[in-house]
Amino acid sequence: MVPGELTRRTLGWAVALILAAAIVVGLLLWRPWTADQPSDAERIEEQVRGYVDDLARIDYASAQARRCEASGSSAAIVKPPADGPVVSTTVAIESITVDGDTATVDAAIESSGTSMPLSLRFARRDDRWCISGG
């Protein structure tokens, strides 16, 4: 073997190793770095809590907008108070059952020491969950 031939062969292996390493690093870095999307149950829970908050603030327009068949009604003229909830209200989610593009929620609204059951049906429309009945 001629010394120049050995150098070319070694150089070829070195280049091949560097390319292989670059490919491995590229594949490891080529992953979607998006944040985890919330689950359907988490998105529905957010809607339930927002709906109850809207009602507590007497913001009927926002509550209506969470419904699938939202329409401009006389409720839209009711403006929420500027300083937050009128009634201190919490919601306890008991269960969320998702079945394809529909879901049911059983919860309890608690206000002023009183608890009232709340059952809502949801539908997925245009990749968002909206209240379809209750």
N, C-alpha and C. Protein backbone atom coordinates (compact mmCIF):
# COMPACT_ATOMS: atom_id res chain seq x y z
N MET A 1 0.83 -1.18 0.00
CA MET A 1 0.00 0.00 0.00
C MET A 1 0.88 1.24 0.00
N VAL A 2 0.50 2.19 -0.78
CA VAL A 2 1.24 3.44 -0.92
C VAL A 2 0.78 4.40 0.17
N PRO A 3 1.69 5.16 0.82
CA PRO A 3 1.30 6.07 1.89
C PRO A 3 0.20 7.05 1.50
N GLY A 4 0.17 7.58 0.31
CA GLY A 4 -0.88 8.51 -0.11
C GLY A 4 -2.24 7.83 -0.18
N GLU A 5 -2.23 6.55 -0.55
CA GLU A 5 -3.47 5.78 -0.63
C GLU A 5 -4.06 5.58 0.76
N LEU A 6 -3.21 5.32 1.75
CA LEU A 6 -3.64 5.13 3.13
C LEU A 6 -4.26 6.43 3.68
N THR A 7 -3.67 7.56 3.36
CA THR A 7 -4.18 8.85 3.82
C THR A 7 -5.55 9.14 3.20
N ARG A 8 -5.71 8.83 1.90
CA ARG A 8 -7.01 9.04 1.26
C ARG A 8 -8.07 8.13 1.85
N ARG A 9 -7.71 6.89 2.13
CA ARG A 9 -8.66 5.94 2.70
C ARG A 9 -9.07 6.41 4.11
N THR A 10 -8.12 6.83 4.93
CA THR A 10 -8.41 7.33 6.27
C THR A 10 -9.28 8.58 6.20
N LEU A 11 -8.96 9.46 5.28
CA LEU A 11 -9.74 10.68 5.09
C LEU A 11 -11.17 10.34 4.68
N GLY A 12 -11.34 9.35 3.81
CA GLY A 12 -12.67 8.91 3.38
C GLY A 12 -13.50 8.39 4.55
N TRP A 13 -12.87 7.57 5.41
CA TRP A 13 -13.57 7.06 6.59
C TRP A 13 -13.92 8.20 7.56
N ALA A 14 -13.03 9.13 7.73
CA ALA A 14 -13.29 10.26 8.62
C ALA A 14 -14.47 11.09 8.13
N VAL A 15 -14.52 11.35 6.82
CA VAL A 15 -15.63 12.10 6.24
C VAL A 15 -16.93 11.32 6.41
N ALA A 16 -16.90 10.01 6.18
CA ALA A 16 -18.10 9.18 6.33
C ALA A 16 -18.60 9.20 7.77
N LEU A 17 -17.67 9.13 8.74
CA LEU A 17 -18.05 9.18 10.15
C LEU A 17 -18.67 10.53 10.52
N ILE A 18 -18.09 11.60 10.03
CA ILE A 18 -18.62 12.94 10.31
C ILE A 18 -20.02 13.09 9.72
N LEU A 19 -20.22 12.62 8.49
CA LEU A 19 -21.55 12.69 7.86
C LEU A 19 -22.57 11.86 8.63
N ALA A 20 -22.18 10.66 9.06
CA ALA A 20 -23.09 9.80 9.82
C ALA A 20 -23.47 10.48 11.14
N ALA A 21 -22.48 11.08 11.82
CA ALA A 21 -22.76 11.77 13.07
C ALA A 21 -23.69 12.96 12.84
N ALA A 22 -23.48 13.69 11.75
CA ALA A 22 -24.34 14.84 11.44
C ALA A 22 -25.77 14.38 11.18
N ILE A 23 -25.93 13.26 10.50
CA ILE A 23 -27.28 12.74 10.23
C ILE A 23 -27.96 12.34 11.53
N VAL A 24 -27.24 11.65 12.42
CA VAL A 24 -27.82 11.24 13.70
C VAL A 24 -28.23 12.47 14.52
N VAL A 25 -27.36 13.45 14.61
CA VAL A 25 -27.68 14.67 15.36
C VAL A 25 -28.87 15.39 14.72
N GLY A 26 -28.90 15.45 13.41
CA GLY A 26 -30.02 16.08 12.71
C GLY A 26 -31.34 15.39 12.99
N LEU A 27 -31.33 14.06 13.00
CA LEU A 27 -32.55 13.32 13.29
C LEU A 27 -33.01 13.52 14.73
N LEU A 28 -32.07 13.60 15.65
CA LEU A 28 -32.43 13.83 17.04
C LEU A 28 -33.02 15.22 17.26
N LEU A 29 -32.51 16.19 16.53
CA LEU A 29 -33.00 17.56 16.69
C LEU A 29 -34.25 17.83 15.86
N TRP A 30 -34.52 17.01 14.87
CA TRP A 30 -35.66 17.22 13.98
C TRP A 30 -36.91 16.57 14.56
N ARG A 31 -37.37 17.10 15.66
CA ARG A 31 -38.60 16.67 16.29
C ARG A 31 -39.47 17.90 16.44
N PRO A 32 -40.76 17.72 16.39
CA PRO A 32 -41.60 18.89 16.63
C PRO A 32 -41.40 19.37 18.06
N TRP A 33 -41.08 20.62 18.22
CA TRP A 33 -40.84 21.18 19.55
C TRP A 33 -42.06 21.93 20.05
N THR A 34 -43.24 21.56 19.59
CA THR A 34 -44.46 22.24 20.04
C THR A 34 -44.79 21.79 21.45
N ALA A 35 -45.41 22.67 22.19
CA ALA A 35 -45.85 22.32 23.53
C ALA A 35 -46.96 21.28 23.43
N ASP A 36 -47.08 20.46 24.45
CA ASP A 36 -48.14 19.47 24.46
C ASP A 36 -49.49 20.17 24.39
N GLN A 37 -50.34 19.68 23.51
CA GLN A 37 -51.67 20.24 23.38
C GLN A 37 -52.54 19.73 24.52
N PRO A 38 -53.44 20.55 25.04
CA PRO A 38 -54.32 20.07 26.11
C PRO A 38 -55.23 18.96 25.57
N SER A 39 -55.58 18.04 26.45
CA SER A 39 -56.48 16.95 26.06
C SER A 39 -57.89 17.49 25.86
N ASP A 40 -58.75 16.67 25.25
CA ASP A 40 -60.14 17.08 25.07
C ASP A 40 -60.79 17.38 26.43
N ALA A 41 -60.53 16.51 27.41
CA ALA A 41 -61.13 16.71 28.74
C ALA A 41 -60.67 18.03 29.35
N GLU A 42 -59.39 18.38 29.17
CA GLU A 42 -58.88 19.65 29.71
C GLU A 42 -59.53 20.84 29.00
N ARG A 43 -59.71 20.73 27.69
CA ARG A 43 -60.34 21.82 26.94
C ARG A 43 -61.81 21.99 27.35
N ILE A 44 -62.49 20.86 27.57
CA ILE A 44 -63.89 20.91 27.99
C ILE A 44 -64.00 21.50 29.39
N GLU A 45 -63.11 21.06 30.29
CA GLU A 45 -63.12 21.60 31.66
C GLU A 45 -62.92 23.11 31.65
N GLU A 46 -62.04 23.58 30.80
CA GLU A 46 -61.81 25.03 30.68
C GLU A 46 -63.09 25.74 30.25
N GLN A 47 -63.84 25.13 29.32
CA GLN A 47 -65.10 25.73 28.87
C GLN A 47 -66.14 25.75 30.00
N VAL A 48 -66.23 24.65 30.77
CA VAL A 48 -67.21 24.60 31.87
C VAL A 48 -66.89 25.68 32.90
N ARG A 49 -65.62 25.75 33.30
CA ARG A 49 -65.23 26.75 34.30
C ARG A 49 -65.47 28.18 33.78
N GLY A 50 -65.17 28.42 32.52
CA GLY A 50 -65.42 29.73 31.94
C GLY A 50 -66.90 30.06 31.87
N TYR A 51 -67.72 29.07 31.54
CA TYR A 51 -69.16 29.26 31.45
C TYR A 51 -69.74 29.65 32.81
N VAL A 52 -69.35 28.91 33.85
CA VAL A 52 -69.84 29.22 35.20
C VAL A 52 -69.35 30.59 35.64
N ASP A 53 -68.10 30.93 35.32
CA ASP A 53 -67.57 32.25 35.66
C ASP A 53 -68.34 33.35 34.92
N ASP A 54 -68.64 33.11 33.64
CA ASP A 54 -69.43 34.09 32.87
C ASP A 54 -70.78 34.34 33.53
N LEU A 55 -71.45 33.27 33.94
CA LEU A 55 -72.76 33.41 34.58
C LEU A 55 -72.64 34.13 35.91
N ALA A 56 -71.59 33.84 36.69
CA ALA A 56 -71.41 34.49 37.99
C ALA A 56 -71.16 35.99 37.82
N ARG A 57 -70.52 36.37 36.72
CA ARG A 57 -70.24 37.79 36.46
C ARG A 57 -71.39 38.47 35.71
N ILE A 58 -72.46 37.75 35.48
CA ILE A 58 -73.61 38.23 34.72
C ILE A 58 -73.16 38.68 33.32
N ASP A 59 -72.24 37.94 32.75
CA ASP A 59 -71.75 38.21 31.40
C ASP A 59 -72.41 37.20 30.46
N TYR A 60 -73.69 37.44 30.20
CA TYR A 60 -74.46 36.49 29.41
C TYR A 60 -73.99 36.40 27.97
N ALA A 61 -73.44 37.46 27.45
CA ALA A 61 -72.94 37.42 26.07
C ALA A 61 -71.79 36.44 25.95
N SER A 62 -70.86 36.45 26.91
CA SER A 62 -69.74 35.51 26.88
C SER A 62 -70.22 34.08 27.12
N ALA A 63 -71.17 33.91 28.03
CA ALA A 63 -71.73 32.58 28.28
C ALA A 63 -72.39 32.05 27.01
N GLN A 64 -73.15 32.90 26.34
CA GLN A 64 -73.83 32.50 25.10
C GLN A 64 -72.82 32.14 24.02
N ALA A 65 -71.69 32.84 23.97
CA ALA A 65 -70.67 32.57 22.95
C ALA A 65 -70.04 31.19 23.12
N ARG A 66 -70.14 30.59 24.29
CA ARG A 66 -69.61 29.25 24.53
C ARG A 66 -70.55 28.16 24.03
N ARG A 67 -71.74 28.55 23.63
CA ARG A 67 -72.72 27.57 23.13
C ARG A 67 -72.51 27.36 21.64
N CYS A 68 -72.82 26.17 21.17
CA CYS A 68 -72.62 25.84 19.75
C CYS A 68 -73.48 26.72 18.85
N GLU A 69 -74.67 26.98 19.27
CA GLU A 69 -75.60 27.76 18.45
C GLU A 69 -75.64 29.20 18.95
N ALA A 70 -74.48 29.78 19.18
CA ALA A 70 -74.42 31.16 19.67
C ALA A 70 -75.08 32.08 18.67
N SER A 71 -75.89 32.95 19.19
CA SER A 71 -76.56 33.91 18.31
C SER A 71 -76.67 35.23 19.05
N GLY A 72 -76.77 36.29 18.30
CA GLY A 72 -76.94 37.60 18.91
C GLY A 72 -78.33 37.70 19.50
N SER A 73 -78.42 37.72 20.80
CA SER A 73 -79.72 37.82 21.44
C SER A 73 -79.73 39.04 22.34
N SER A 74 -80.83 39.22 23.03
CA SER A 74 -80.92 40.37 23.93
C SER A 74 -79.92 40.24 25.07
N ALA A 75 -79.41 39.02 25.32
CA ALA A 75 -78.41 38.84 26.38
C ALA A 75 -77.14 39.61 26.07
N ALA A 76 -76.89 39.88 24.81
CA ALA A 76 -75.66 40.57 24.42
C ALA A 76 -75.60 42.00 24.95
N ILE A 77 -76.74 42.58 25.29
CA ILE A 77 -76.72 43.95 25.78
C ILE A 77 -76.40 44.03 27.28
N VAL A 78 -76.42 42.88 27.98
CA VAL A 78 -76.09 42.88 29.41
C VAL A 78 -74.58 42.92 29.54
N LYS A 79 -74.07 43.94 30.17
CA LYS A 79 -72.62 44.11 30.32
C LYS A 79 -72.19 43.58 31.69
N PRO A 80 -71.04 42.88 31.75
CA PRO A 80 -70.57 42.39 33.04
C PRO A 80 -70.05 43.54 33.90
N PRO A 81 -70.16 43.40 35.22
CA PRO A 81 -69.60 44.42 36.10
C PRO A 81 -68.09 44.50 35.91
N ALA A 82 -67.54 45.67 36.06
CA ALA A 82 -66.11 45.87 35.82
C ALA A 82 -65.23 45.28 36.91
N ASP A 83 -65.76 45.07 38.11
CA ASP A 83 -64.91 44.67 39.23
C ASP A 83 -65.01 43.19 39.59
N GLY A 84 -65.31 42.31 38.64
CA GLY A 84 -65.25 40.87 38.88
C GLY A 84 -66.59 40.25 39.20
N PRO A 85 -66.54 39.04 39.77
CA PRO A 85 -67.77 38.27 40.01
C PRO A 85 -68.75 38.99 40.93
N VAL A 86 -70.01 38.86 40.59
CA VAL A 86 -71.08 39.39 41.42
C VAL A 86 -71.33 38.41 42.56
N VAL A 87 -71.28 37.12 42.25
CA VAL A 87 -71.51 36.07 43.22
C VAL A 87 -70.28 35.17 43.22
N SER A 88 -69.74 34.89 44.40
CA SER A 88 -68.61 33.97 44.49
C SER A 88 -69.12 32.57 44.18
N THR A 89 -68.66 32.01 43.07
CA THR A 89 -69.15 30.73 42.59
C THR A 89 -67.98 29.85 42.18
N THR A 90 -68.07 28.57 42.54
CA THR A 90 -67.06 27.61 42.09
C THR A 90 -67.78 26.44 41.44
N VAL A 91 -67.04 25.70 40.66
CA VAL A 91 -67.60 24.52 40.02
C VAL A 91 -66.70 23.33 40.34
N ALA A 92 -67.33 22.22 40.72
CA ALA A 92 -66.60 20.98 40.97
C ALA A 92 -66.96 20.00 39.86
N ILE A 93 -65.98 19.67 39.04
CA ILE A 93 -66.21 18.73 37.93
C ILE A 93 -66.22 17.32 38.51
N GLU A 94 -67.31 16.60 38.31
CA GLU A 94 -67.40 15.23 38.81
C GLU A 94 -66.96 14.23 37.75
N SER A 95 -67.36 14.46 36.49
CA SER A 95 -66.93 13.55 35.42
C SER A 95 -67.04 14.25 34.07
N ILE A 96 -66.12 13.84 33.19
CA ILE A 96 -66.15 14.28 31.79
C ILE A 96 -66.02 13.02 30.96
N THR A 97 -67.02 12.77 30.12
CA THR A 97 -67.02 11.59 29.27
C THR A 97 -66.98 12.04 27.82
N VAL A 98 -65.88 11.72 27.14
CA VAL A 98 -65.71 12.11 25.74
C VAL A 98 -65.98 10.88 24.88
N ASP A 99 -66.84 11.06 23.87
CA ASP A 99 -67.16 9.98 22.93
C ASP A 99 -67.09 10.56 21.52
N GLY A 100 -65.91 10.49 20.93
CA GLY A 100 -65.72 11.05 19.59
C GLY A 100 -65.82 12.56 19.61
N ASP A 101 -66.81 13.09 18.88
CA ASP A 101 -67.00 14.54 18.79
C ASP A 101 -68.08 15.06 19.74
N THR A 102 -68.48 14.23 20.69
CA THR A 102 -69.45 14.66 21.70
C THR A 102 -68.90 14.34 23.08
N ALA A 103 -69.43 15.03 24.07
CA ALA A 103 -68.99 14.79 25.44
C ALA A 103 -70.11 15.18 26.40
N THR A 104 -70.08 14.59 27.58
CA THR A 104 -71.00 14.98 28.64
C THR A 104 -70.19 15.32 29.89
N VAL A 105 -70.69 16.30 30.62
CA VAL A 105 -70.02 16.73 31.85
C VAL A 105 -71.05 16.72 32.96
N ASP A 106 -70.67 16.11 34.07
CA ASP A 106 -71.46 16.19 35.29
C ASP A 106 -70.63 16.97 36.30
N ALA A 107 -71.23 18.00 36.87
CA ALA A 107 -70.51 18.87 37.78
C ALA A 107 -71.48 19.38 38.84
N ALA A 108 -70.95 20.15 39.76
CA ALA A 108 -71.78 20.80 40.77
C ALA A 108 -71.31 22.24 40.90
N ILE A 109 -72.27 23.15 40.87
CA ILE A 109 -71.98 24.57 41.09
C ILE A 109 -72.18 24.84 42.58
N GLU A 110 -71.21 25.48 43.19
CA GLU A 110 -71.29 25.78 44.62
C GLU A 110 -71.25 27.30 44.80
N SER A 111 -72.25 27.82 45.50
CA SER A 111 -72.33 29.26 45.72
C SER A 111 -73.07 29.53 47.02
N SER A 112 -72.51 30.37 47.85
CA SER A 112 -73.15 30.77 49.12
C SER A 112 -73.58 29.57 49.95
N GLY A 113 -72.76 28.54 49.99
CA GLY A 113 -73.05 27.35 50.80
C GLY A 113 -74.06 26.41 50.18
N THR A 114 -74.48 26.67 48.97
CA THR A 114 -75.46 25.82 48.30
C THR A 114 -74.80 25.15 47.10
N SER A 115 -75.11 23.88 46.91
CA SER A 115 -74.57 23.13 45.77
C SER A 115 -75.72 22.74 44.85
N MET A 116 -75.52 22.93 43.56
CA MET A 116 -76.54 22.61 42.58
C MET A 116 -75.91 21.77 41.47
N PRO A 117 -76.54 20.65 41.09
CA PRO A 117 -75.96 19.83 40.01
C PRO A 117 -76.02 20.54 38.66
N LEU A 118 -75.03 20.25 37.84
CA LEU A 118 -74.96 20.83 36.50
C LEU A 118 -74.55 19.73 35.54
N SER A 119 -75.38 19.47 34.54
CA SER A 119 -75.05 18.51 33.48
C SER A 119 -75.06 19.26 32.15
N LEU A 120 -73.98 19.10 31.41
CA LEU A 120 -73.86 19.77 30.12
C LEU A 120 -73.43 18.77 29.06
N ARG A 121 -73.92 18.99 27.84
CA ARG A 121 -73.47 18.22 26.68
C ARG A 121 -72.62 19.14 25.82
N PHE A 122 -71.57 18.57 25.25
CA PHE A 122 -70.65 19.33 24.40
C PHE A 122 -70.54 18.68 23.04
N ALA A 123 -70.20 19.49 22.06
CA ALA A 123 -69.92 19.01 20.70
C ALA A 123 -68.65 19.69 20.21
N ARG A 124 -67.88 18.95 19.41
CA ARG A 124 -66.68 19.55 18.81
C ARG A 124 -67.09 20.16 17.49
N ARG A 125 -66.87 21.45 17.35
CA ARG A 125 -67.18 22.18 16.12
C ARG A 125 -65.96 22.99 15.72
N ASP A 126 -65.50 22.79 14.51
CA ASP A 126 -64.34 23.54 14.01
C ASP A 126 -63.17 23.50 14.99
N ASP A 127 -62.89 22.31 15.51
CA ASP A 127 -61.77 22.05 16.42
C ASP A 127 -61.87 22.81 17.74
N ARG A 128 -63.08 23.12 18.17
CA ARG A 128 -63.27 23.68 19.51
C ARG A 128 -64.48 23.01 20.13
N TRP A 129 -64.50 22.93 21.44
CA TRP A 129 -65.62 22.33 22.15
C TRP A 129 -66.60 23.43 22.54
N CYS A 130 -67.89 23.19 22.25
CA CYS A 130 -68.92 24.16 22.61
C CYS A 130 -70.07 23.42 23.29
N ILE A 131 -70.83 24.16 24.06
CA ILE A 131 -71.96 23.59 24.79
C ILE A 131 -73.11 23.38 23.81
N SER A 132 -73.56 22.12 23.73
CA SER A 132 -74.64 21.81 22.79
C SER A 132 -75.96 21.57 23.51
N GLY A 133 -75.94 21.47 24.80
CA GLY A 133 -77.16 21.27 25.56
C GLY A 133 -76.85 21.11 27.03
N GLY A 134 -77.88 21.19 27.82
CA GLY A 134 -77.63 21.03 29.25
C GLY A 134 -78.88 21.13 30.04
